[in-house]
Amino acid sequence: MKKASGFTMIELMVAMAIVAVMLTVAAPRYFSNIDKTKEAVLREDLYILRDAIDKFYADKNKYPEQLADLVTEKYLRSIPVDPYTRSSNSWVVLPPEDGSLGAIANVRSAAPNKAIDGTWFKDW
């Protein structure tokens, strides 16, 4: 008679318990790191857009009328994608303080969320 090879039910249950404990430790860290990464990407995208707008203004002595002007004039290769809205068309554009209509002097995220530090993304 051959003895059946394989795992017993107890061995499988112990292995599953160990995997479950490891997941309960790792999952919260994973998701908090995703949020931190999205925030870092958003900060970098805002910096890049604002820097391109400033360089456009310094070169042409006027603000761009739309974000696409930054691409057509080769200040950016493409409009960055907002990591929270997952769209490059969702940026909130702000006019200059001098009241020039149709010009873009600043951008903000359209994300309705709060950052880890409690500030609103729309205020960055």
Protein backbone atom coordinates (compact mmCIF):
# COMPACT_ATOMS: atom_id res chain seq x y z
CA MET A 1 0.00 0.00 0.00
CA LYS A 2 1.27 3.45 -0.94
CA LYS A 3 1.02 6.28 1.49
CA ALA A 4 -0.77 9.32 -0.05
CA SER A 5 1.54 12.27 -0.41
CA GLY A 6 0.42 15.84 0.09
CA PHE A 7 -0.38 18.33 2.79
CA THR A 8 -2.75 17.81 5.64
CA MET A 9 -5.58 20.20 6.33
CA ILE A 10 -3.79 21.52 9.43
CA GLU A 11 -0.64 22.32 7.46
CA LEU A 12 -2.66 24.21 4.85
CA MET A 13 -4.53 26.15 7.55
CA VAL A 14 -1.25 27.15 9.26
CA ALA A 15 0.22 28.29 5.94
CA MET A 16 -2.92 30.33 5.15
CA ALA A 17 -2.83 31.91 8.62
CA ILE A 18 0.79 32.95 8.12
CA VAL A 19 -0.03 34.50 4.72
CA ALA A 20 -3.03 36.32 6.23
CA VAL A 21 -0.91 37.80 9.04
CA MET A 22 1.69 38.97 6.52
CA LEU A 23 -1.02 40.62 4.39
CA THR A 24 -2.55 42.45 7.35
CA VAL A 25 0.86 43.96 8.07
CA ALA A 26 1.81 44.76 4.46
CA ALA A 27 -1.49 46.00 2.97
CA PRO A 28 -1.85 49.26 4.98
CA ARG A 29 1.75 50.20 4.24
CA TYR A 30 1.21 49.51 0.56
CA PHE A 31 -1.87 51.71 0.27
CA SER A 32 -0.36 54.56 2.29
CA ASN A 33 2.69 54.48 0.02
CA ILE A 34 0.42 54.74 -3.02
CA ASP A 35 -1.16 57.88 -1.54
CA LYS A 36 2.25 59.39 -0.76
CA THR A 37 3.40 58.65 -4.29
CA LYS A 38 0.33 60.28 -5.84
CA GLU A 39 0.91 63.38 -3.72
CA ALA A 40 4.56 63.54 -4.79
CA VAL A 41 3.56 63.20 -8.45
CA LEU A 42 0.93 65.94 -8.07
CA ARG A 43 3.43 68.31 -6.45
CA GLU A 44 5.93 67.65 -9.25
CA ASP A 45 3.30 68.10 -11.98
CA LEU A 46 2.19 71.42 -10.48
CA TYR A 47 5.81 72.55 -10.27
CA ILE A 48 6.45 71.60 -13.90
CA LEU A 49 3.32 73.35 -15.17
CA ARG A 50 3.93 76.51 -13.16
CA ASP A 51 7.57 76.61 -14.23
CA ALA A 52 6.57 76.27 -17.90
CA ILE A 53 4.00 79.06 -17.53
CA ASP A 54 6.63 81.31 -15.94
CA LYS A 55 9.14 80.57 -18.71
CA PHE A 56 6.49 81.24 -21.35
CA TYR A 57 5.75 84.59 -19.72
CA ALA A 58 9.46 85.47 -19.42
CA ASP A 59 10.06 84.72 -23.10
CA LYS A 60 6.92 86.19 -24.64
CA ASN A 61 5.91 88.81 -22.05
CA LYS A 62 2.39 87.38 -21.97
CA TYR A 63 0.70 84.40 -20.39
CA PRO A 64 -0.47 81.43 -22.48
CA GLU A 65 -4.13 81.41 -23.42
CA GLN A 66 -4.45 77.67 -22.89
CA LEU A 67 -2.27 74.88 -21.55
CA ALA A 68 -1.93 73.43 -25.04
CA ASP A 69 0.10 76.54 -25.97
CA LEU A 70 2.84 75.26 -23.68
CA VAL A 71 3.04 72.11 -25.80
CA THR A 72 2.81 73.79 -29.19
CA GLU A 73 5.52 76.30 -28.22
CA LYS A 74 7.73 73.41 -26.96
CA TYR A 75 7.77 74.40 -23.29
CA LEU A 76 6.35 70.96 -22.44
CA ARG A 77 6.29 67.69 -24.34
CA SER A 78 2.78 67.02 -23.11
CA ILE A 79 0.38 68.25 -20.45
CA PRO A 80 0.93 66.13 -17.32
CA VAL A 81 -1.85 63.86 -16.11
CA ASP A 82 -3.32 64.71 -12.71
CA PRO A 83 -2.73 61.53 -10.65
CA TYR A 84 -6.04 61.89 -8.79
CA THR A 85 -8.39 62.79 -11.64
CA ARG A 86 -6.35 60.69 -14.12
CA SER A 87 -6.82 63.30 -16.81
CA SER A 88 -4.67 65.96 -18.39
CA ASN A 89 -7.79 68.06 -19.10
CA SER A 90 -8.90 68.48 -15.49
CA TRP A 91 -6.40 71.14 -14.40
CA VAL A 92 -8.05 74.25 -12.96
CA VAL A 93 -6.54 77.27 -14.69
CA LEU A 94 -6.32 80.62 -12.91
CA PRO A 95 -6.02 84.02 -14.60
CA PRO A 96 -3.28 86.50 -13.74
CA GLU A 97 -3.83 88.95 -10.93
CA ASP A 98 -3.80 91.89 -13.35
CA GLY A 99 -7.17 90.71 -14.68
CA SER A 100 -6.07 89.63 -18.15
CA LEU A 101 -8.94 87.61 -19.53
CA GLY A 102 -8.23 84.42 -21.44
CA ALA A 103 -4.74 84.05 -20.00
CA ILE A 104 -3.38 81.37 -17.66
CA ALA A 105 -1.04 82.42 -14.86
CA ASN A 106 -1.43 79.47 -12.50
CA VAL A 107 -2.87 75.96 -12.32
CA ARG A 108 -4.38 73.83 -9.59
CA SER A 109 -5.61 70.29 -9.30
CA ALA A 110 -9.31 69.55 -9.66
CA ALA A 111 -9.05 66.70 -7.15
CA PRO A 112 -11.67 67.02 -4.39
CA ASN A 113 -9.56 65.12 -1.84
CA LYS A 114 -7.42 66.14 1.10
CA ALA A 115 -3.73 65.36 1.33
CA ILE A 116 -2.20 63.27 4.09
CA ASP A 117 -1.22 66.48 5.92
CA GLY A 118 -4.87 67.66 5.89
CA THR A 119 -4.58 70.36 3.21
CA TRP A 120 -6.88 70.40 0.19
CA PHE A 121 -5.33 69.56 -3.17
CA LYS A 122 -7.19 72.50 -4.71
CA ASP A 123 -5.18 74.84 -2.46
CA TRP A 124 -1.75 73.62 -3.53
